[in-house]
Amino acid sequence: MSAHVTGHTGLLCLLGSPVAHSISPEMHNEACRLLNLDYEYLAFDVPPEQLETAVNGLRVMGVKGFNLTMPDKNKMAELCDQLSPAAKICGAVNTVVNENGVFTGYTTDGIGYMMSAKDAGCDLVGKRMVQLGAGGAGTAILVQAAFDGVAAIDVFNTRDAFWPRVKHIVEQLNEQTSCKVTLHDLVDLESLRSCIAQADLLLNTTPVGMNRVPGCLIPDSSYFHPNLTVSDVIYEPQETALLKMAREAGLKTFNGMYMLLYQGAASFKLWTGLEMPTQAVKEKYFIQNLRVFKLKN
């Protein structure tokens, strides 16, 4: 955040609906303050039906860049002048960079997850993973993991209306990357057990495990093996039923808390060319908040 706003102060922002709960303004303004960058990051509640109007306004105003959260990510992919390879496959954009009036769309959610995995001591390059779900953030993670050099990914998804879309994404990844991606029906528990037995990481990207969707897609801990790491993009609750089962089985686990931090850091670098001071931001807005949460509970 700028020490004071002047006629030179640049605008960064977040579009979505709702956005009032977002930690992104605090993260990015703190990073700008620490690096003495003359930008302000604000959040605007913009539903999809008003997104094109808002984006046209931002273009006229010369915004440096902006983020998108749900439900605006897919619509933004249609409004960009050009897309990064990952955003093109995902069909979704969470970061836009304005270069002389040209809006380029990126997806940094997958980057955020891959960085958070590395931060947790889980380097996935050349490894095998099993991913539960491929919608929303799950698609971004799947695409980025394949681009980043994960050797093989077994994706388990419900055979619903989105199945053809997931199948098309899998086909594109097999054509465009060296990663071997295989799509399975989530109800095929025999294949699920077999794939987990060969995997280095098991990742849940579905809503199952959230407070509003309790439960666990893995029937029991017999599906695990001692060298498996288990992850969940959910961070509320901080320990889902899946992570609890894995922890009690003695496995390494991590949730999606720092995915948000690192996807923001990736956006920040696209806009400014500078590395976000992630350790300072993590300490102030993640670790301290986690301590307060534990004290209150």
Protein backbone atom coordinates (compact mmCIF):
# COMPACT_ATOMS: atom_id res chain seq x y z
CA MET A 1 0.00 0.00 0.00
CA SER A 2 1.28 3.47 -0.82
CA ALA A 3 2.25 5.78 2.03
CA HIS A 4 -0.21 8.19 0.44
CA VAL A 5 -2.26 8.13 -2.73
CA THR A 6 -1.25 10.52 -5.50
CA GLY A 7 -2.08 11.04 -9.14
CA HIS A 8 0.70 8.57 -9.95
CA THR A 9 -0.65 5.71 -7.80
CA GLY A 10 -1.44 2.63 -9.88
CA LEU A 11 -4.47 0.40 -9.44
CA LEU A 12 -4.49 -3.35 -8.82
CA CYS A 13 -7.74 -5.05 -7.92
CA LEU A 14 -9.89 -8.14 -7.42
CA LEU A 15 -13.19 -8.78 -9.20
CA GLY A 16 -15.68 -11.40 -8.10
CA SER A 17 -18.84 -11.92 -6.08
CA PRO A 18 -18.64 -12.02 -3.13
CA VAL A 19 -15.21 -10.52 -2.39
CA ALA A 20 -15.57 -8.80 1.00
CA HIS A 21 -14.04 -11.81 2.78
CA SER A 22 -10.90 -11.89 0.60
CA ILE A 23 -7.46 -11.60 2.16
CA SER A 24 -5.97 -10.57 -1.20
CA PRO A 25 -6.12 -6.78 -0.60
CA GLU A 26 -4.19 -7.16 2.67
CA MET A 27 -1.60 -9.47 1.06
CA HIS A 28 -0.92 -7.33 -1.97
CA ASN A 29 -1.01 -3.97 -0.18
CA GLU A 30 1.43 -5.29 2.41
CA ALA A 31 3.76 -6.50 -0.35
CA CYS A 32 3.58 -3.11 -2.08
CA ARG A 33 4.32 -1.36 1.21
CA LEU A 34 7.33 -3.56 1.93
CA LEU A 35 8.73 -3.00 -1.58
CA ASN A 36 7.83 0.73 -1.71
CA LEU A 37 5.64 0.26 -4.79
CA ASP A 38 3.11 2.97 -5.56
CA TYR A 39 0.05 0.77 -6.04
CA GLU A 40 -3.27 0.27 -4.26
CA TYR A 41 -5.08 -3.08 -4.40
CA LEU A 42 -8.87 -2.94 -3.97
CA ALA A 43 -11.69 -5.48 -4.14
CA PHE A 44 -14.86 -4.91 -6.20
CA ASP A 45 -18.02 -7.02 -6.07
CA VAL A 46 -18.74 -7.71 -9.76
CA PRO A 47 -21.11 -10.52 -10.81
CA PRO A 48 -20.55 -12.24 -14.20
CA GLU A 49 -23.35 -10.34 -15.96
CA GLN A 50 -21.54 -7.05 -15.22
CA LEU A 51 -17.99 -8.29 -15.75
CA GLU A 52 -17.58 -7.10 -19.35
CA THR A 53 -18.66 -3.58 -18.41
CA ALA A 54 -16.26 -3.53 -15.45
CA VAL A 55 -13.37 -4.89 -17.54
CA ASN A 56 -13.94 -2.26 -20.23
CA GLY A 57 -13.79 0.38 -17.52
CA LEU A 58 -10.52 -0.99 -16.17
CA ARG A 59 -9.05 -0.96 -19.66
CA VAL A 60 -10.00 2.70 -20.12
CA MET A 61 -8.56 3.57 -16.71
CA GLY A 62 -5.25 1.87 -17.51
CA VAL A 63 -5.28 -0.59 -14.61
CA LYS A 64 -1.95 -2.38 -14.20
CA GLY A 65 -3.60 -5.73 -13.59
CA PHE A 66 -6.28 -7.52 -11.64
CA ASN A 67 -7.38 -10.83 -10.14
CA LEU A 68 -10.61 -12.73 -10.69
CA THR A 69 -12.32 -15.00 -8.22
CA MET A 70 -15.47 -17.05 -8.65
CA PRO A 71 -17.80 -16.76 -10.39
CA ASP A 72 -15.89 -14.55 -12.89
CA LYS A 73 -12.93 -16.76 -13.89
CA ASN A 74 -14.49 -18.54 -16.87
CA LYS A 75 -16.15 -15.44 -18.28
CA MET A 76 -12.85 -13.53 -18.09
CA ALA A 77 -11.19 -16.13 -20.33
CA GLU A 78 -13.60 -15.02 -23.06
CA LEU A 79 -12.84 -11.32 -22.53
CA CYS A 80 -9.03 -11.44 -22.64
CA ASP A 81 -7.12 -10.46 -25.77
CA GLN A 82 -4.79 -13.41 -25.30
CA LEU A 83 -4.30 -16.31 -22.88
CA SER A 84 -1.34 -18.14 -21.41
CA PRO A 85 -1.08 -21.81 -22.49
CA ALA A 86 -2.35 -23.00 -19.09
CA ALA A 87 -5.26 -20.54 -19.04
CA LYS A 88 -6.22 -21.59 -22.57
CA ILE A 89 -6.50 -25.24 -21.56
CA CYS A 90 -8.29 -24.43 -18.30
CA GLY A 91 -10.70 -22.03 -19.96
CA ALA A 92 -10.39 -19.88 -16.84
CA VAL A 93 -8.42 -16.82 -15.77
CA ASN A 94 -7.63 -15.57 -12.28
CA THR A 95 -4.95 -13.00 -13.21
CA VAL A 96 -4.92 -10.36 -15.94
CA VAL A 97 -1.93 -8.26 -16.98
CA ASN A 98 -2.43 -5.04 -18.93
CA GLU A 99 0.36 -4.33 -21.39
CA ASN A 100 -0.38 -1.16 -23.36
CA GLY A 101 -4.07 -1.94 -23.48
CA VAL A 102 -3.65 -5.63 -24.28
CA PHE A 103 -5.18 -7.86 -21.60
CA THR A 104 -3.39 -11.19 -21.17
CA GLY A 105 -5.06 -13.80 -18.96
CA TYR A 106 -3.21 -16.26 -16.74
CA THR A 107 -4.16 -18.88 -14.19
CA THR A 108 -1.94 -18.87 -11.10
CA ASP A 109 -4.02 -21.20 -8.89
CA GLY A 110 -2.06 -24.22 -10.09
CA ILE A 111 1.23 -22.39 -9.61
CA GLY A 112 0.11 -21.57 -6.08
CA TYR A 113 -0.60 -25.20 -5.30
CA MET A 114 2.68 -26.46 -6.76
CA MET A 115 4.62 -23.85 -4.75
CA SER A 116 2.71 -24.72 -1.57
CA ALA A 117 3.51 -28.41 -2.12
CA LYS A 118 7.20 -27.59 -2.46
CA ASP A 119 6.96 -25.41 0.64
CA ALA A 120 5.55 -28.45 2.48
CA GLY A 121 8.57 -30.51 1.38
CA CYS A 122 6.75 -32.30 -1.44
CA ASP A 123 8.57 -31.79 -4.75
CA LEU A 124 6.34 -33.38 -7.38
CA VAL A 125 8.61 -33.14 -10.42
CA GLY A 126 9.02 -36.62 -11.88
CA LYS A 127 6.55 -38.09 -9.36
CA ARG A 128 3.10 -39.68 -9.62
CA MET A 129 -0.05 -38.21 -8.16
CA VAL A 130 -3.69 -39.13 -7.76
CA GLN A 131 -6.11 -36.22 -7.93
CA LEU A 132 -9.72 -36.36 -6.75
CA GLY A 133 -11.86 -33.93 -8.75
CA ALA A 134 -11.07 -31.67 -11.70
CA GLY A 135 -13.37 -28.70 -11.42
CA GLY A 136 -12.43 -25.11 -10.65
CA ALA A 137 -9.13 -25.04 -8.79
CA GLY A 138 -8.71 -28.75 -9.53
CA THR A 139 -8.44 -28.05 -13.26
CA ALA A 140 -5.81 -25.36 -12.69
CA ILE A 141 -3.76 -27.70 -10.48
CA LEU A 142 -4.06 -30.57 -12.95
CA VAL A 143 -2.86 -28.41 -15.85
CA GLN A 144 0.00 -26.79 -13.94
CA ALA A 145 1.18 -30.11 -12.50
CA ALA A 146 1.40 -31.56 -16.00
CA PHE A 147 3.23 -28.48 -17.31
CA ASP A 148 5.63 -28.50 -14.34
CA GLY A 149 6.88 -32.04 -14.93
CA VAL A 150 4.79 -34.39 -12.82
CA ALA A 151 5.38 -37.79 -14.43
CA ALA A 152 1.85 -39.21 -14.21
CA ILE A 153 -1.52 -38.06 -12.88
CA ASP A 154 -4.54 -40.28 -12.32
CA VAL A 155 -7.62 -38.07 -12.16
CA PHE A 156 -10.78 -39.40 -10.52
CA ASN A 157 -13.89 -37.40 -11.32
CA THR A 158 -17.63 -37.93 -11.15
CA ARG A 159 -19.17 -38.86 -14.49
CA ASP A 160 -21.40 -35.79 -14.56
CA ALA A 161 -22.17 -33.02 -17.08
CA PHE A 162 -18.56 -31.78 -16.80
CA TRP A 163 -17.03 -35.17 -17.69
CA PRO A 164 -16.59 -34.33 -21.43
CA ARG A 165 -14.80 -31.10 -20.49
CA VAL A 166 -12.41 -32.92 -18.15
CA LYS A 167 -11.82 -35.58 -20.79
CA HIS A 168 -10.91 -32.89 -23.33
CA ILE A 169 -8.47 -31.26 -20.90
CA VAL A 170 -6.84 -34.63 -20.22
CA GLU A 171 -6.47 -35.22 -23.97
CA GLN A 172 -4.83 -31.81 -24.44
CA LEU A 173 -2.38 -32.41 -21.60
CA ASN A 174 -1.38 -35.78 -23.07
CA GLU A 175 -0.77 -34.06 -26.40
CA GLN A 176 1.05 -30.97 -25.11
CA THR A 177 3.08 -32.28 -22.15
CA SER A 178 5.20 -35.30 -21.27
CA CYS A 179 2.92 -36.10 -18.33
CA LYS A 180 0.77 -39.23 -18.64
CA VAL A 181 -2.71 -38.19 -17.53
CA THR A 182 -5.47 -40.78 -17.12
CA LEU A 183 -9.12 -40.08 -16.33
CA HIS A 184 -11.08 -42.48 -14.10
CA ASP A 185 -14.60 -42.61 -12.76
CA LEU A 186 -14.63 -41.66 -9.08
CA VAL A 187 -16.86 -44.61 -8.21
CA ASP A 188 -14.20 -47.08 -9.46
CA LEU A 189 -12.71 -47.88 -6.07
CA GLU A 190 -10.64 -50.77 -7.37
CA SER A 191 -8.77 -48.46 -9.76
CA LEU A 192 -8.52 -45.83 -7.04
CA ARG A 193 -6.82 -48.25 -4.66
CA SER A 194 -4.46 -49.46 -7.39
CA CYS A 195 -3.48 -45.93 -8.46
CA ILE A 196 -2.90 -44.71 -4.89
CA ALA A 197 -0.62 -47.71 -4.31
CA GLN A 198 1.69 -46.32 -7.03
CA ALA A 199 1.35 -42.64 -6.15
CA ASP A 200 3.62 -40.25 -4.27
CA LEU A 201 0.80 -37.79 -3.58
CA LEU A 202 -2.96 -38.07 -3.07
CA LEU A 203 -4.75 -34.74 -3.55
CA ASN A 204 -8.40 -33.87 -2.94
CA THR A 205 -9.71 -30.90 -4.94
CA THR A 206 -13.43 -31.64 -4.45
CA PRO A 207 -15.61 -29.83 -1.86
CA VAL A 208 -15.99 -33.07 0.12
CA GLY A 209 -14.48 -32.39 3.51
CA MET A 210 -15.60 -28.78 3.84
CA ASN A 211 -17.81 -27.82 6.76
CA ARG A 212 -20.83 -27.64 4.45
CA VAL A 213 -19.94 -30.93 2.67
CA PRO A 214 -18.61 -33.23 5.41
CA GLY A 215 -17.16 -36.60 4.59
CA CYS A 216 -14.23 -38.29 2.90
CA LEU A 217 -13.88 -39.82 -0.56
CA ILE A 218 -11.34 -42.41 0.61
CA PRO A 219 -13.23 -45.26 2.33
CA ASP A 220 -10.52 -46.12 4.88
CA SER A 221 -6.79 -45.94 5.59
CA SER A 222 -6.11 -49.30 3.91
CA TYR A 223 -5.91 -47.29 0.66
CA PHE A 224 -2.73 -45.58 1.94
CA HIS A 225 0.90 -46.71 1.92
CA PRO A 226 3.75 -45.48 4.17
CA ASN A 227 5.45 -43.28 1.54
CA LEU A 228 2.30 -41.45 0.49
CA THR A 229 1.77 -37.72 1.11
CA VAL A 230 -1.86 -36.61 1.39
CA SER A 231 -3.05 -33.11 0.57
CA ASP A 232 -6.36 -31.26 0.47
CA VAL A 233 -7.02 -27.87 -1.14
CA ILE A 234 -9.58 -27.24 1.61
CA TYR A 235 -8.33 -25.14 4.54
CA GLU A 236 -11.62 -24.60 6.39
CA PRO A 237 -11.60 -26.82 8.38
CA GLN A 238 -7.83 -26.84 8.61
CA GLU A 239 -7.88 -30.61 8.95
CA THR A 240 -10.47 -32.39 6.84
CA ALA A 241 -11.57 -35.97 7.50
CA LEU A 242 -9.14 -37.08 4.78
CA LEU A 243 -6.17 -35.31 6.35
CA LYS A 244 -7.11 -36.57 9.81
CA MET A 245 -7.25 -40.15 8.54
CA ALA A 246 -3.86 -39.74 6.85
CA ARG A 247 -2.26 -38.09 9.88
CA GLU A 248 -3.50 -40.86 12.15
CA ALA A 249 -1.96 -43.35 9.70
CA GLY A 250 1.38 -41.61 10.17
CA LEU A 251 1.46 -39.91 6.77
CA LYS A 252 2.70 -36.44 5.86
CA THR A 253 -0.18 -34.04 5.14
CA PHE A 254 -0.80 -30.42 4.14
CA ASN A 255 -3.88 -28.35 3.32
CA GLY A 256 -4.61 -25.52 0.87
CA MET A 257 -3.86 -22.60 3.15
CA TYR A 258 -0.64 -21.52 1.46
CA MET A 259 -1.97 -22.14 -2.05
CA LEU A 260 -3.71 -18.75 -1.69
CA LEU A 261 -0.47 -17.07 -0.66
CA TYR A 262 1.58 -18.46 -3.52
CA GLN A 263 -1.03 -17.93 -6.24
CA GLY A 264 -1.08 -14.29 -5.11
CA ALA A 265 2.72 -14.17 -5.23
CA ALA A 266 2.63 -15.46 -8.81
CA SER A 267 0.11 -12.76 -9.79
CA PHE A 268 2.19 -10.10 -8.05
CA LYS A 269 5.28 -11.06 -10.06
CA LEU A 270 3.34 -10.95 -13.33
CA TRP A 271 2.25 -7.38 -12.58
CA THR A 272 5.41 -5.95 -11.05
CA GLY A 273 8.25 -8.19 -12.18
CA LEU A 274 9.24 -8.50 -8.51
CA GLU A 275 9.07 -11.36 -6.04
CA MET A 276 6.45 -10.92 -3.33
CA PRO A 277 8.07 -10.96 0.14
CA THR A 278 6.12 -14.13 0.89
CA GLN A 279 7.74 -14.90 4.24
CA ALA A 280 6.73 -11.54 5.70
CA VAL A 281 3.23 -11.79 4.25
CA LYS A 282 2.92 -15.39 5.47
CA GLU A 283 3.92 -14.41 9.01
CA LYS A 284 1.53 -11.45 9.20
CA TYR A 285 -1.57 -12.76 7.47
CA PHE A 286 -1.38 -16.54 7.71
CA ILE A 287 0.72 -17.72 10.67
CA GLN A 288 -0.52 -15.02 13.06
CA ASN A 289 -4.13 -15.60 12.01
CA LEU A 290 -3.62 -19.33 12.55
CA ARG A 291 -2.32 -18.66 16.07
CA VAL A 292 -5.33 -16.44 16.83
CA PHE A 293 -7.68 -19.13 15.47
CA LYS A 294 -6.11 -21.76 17.72
CA LEU A 295 -6.33 -19.47 20.76
CA LYS A 296 -10.02 -18.77 20.10
CA ASN A 297 -10.79 -22.45 19.65
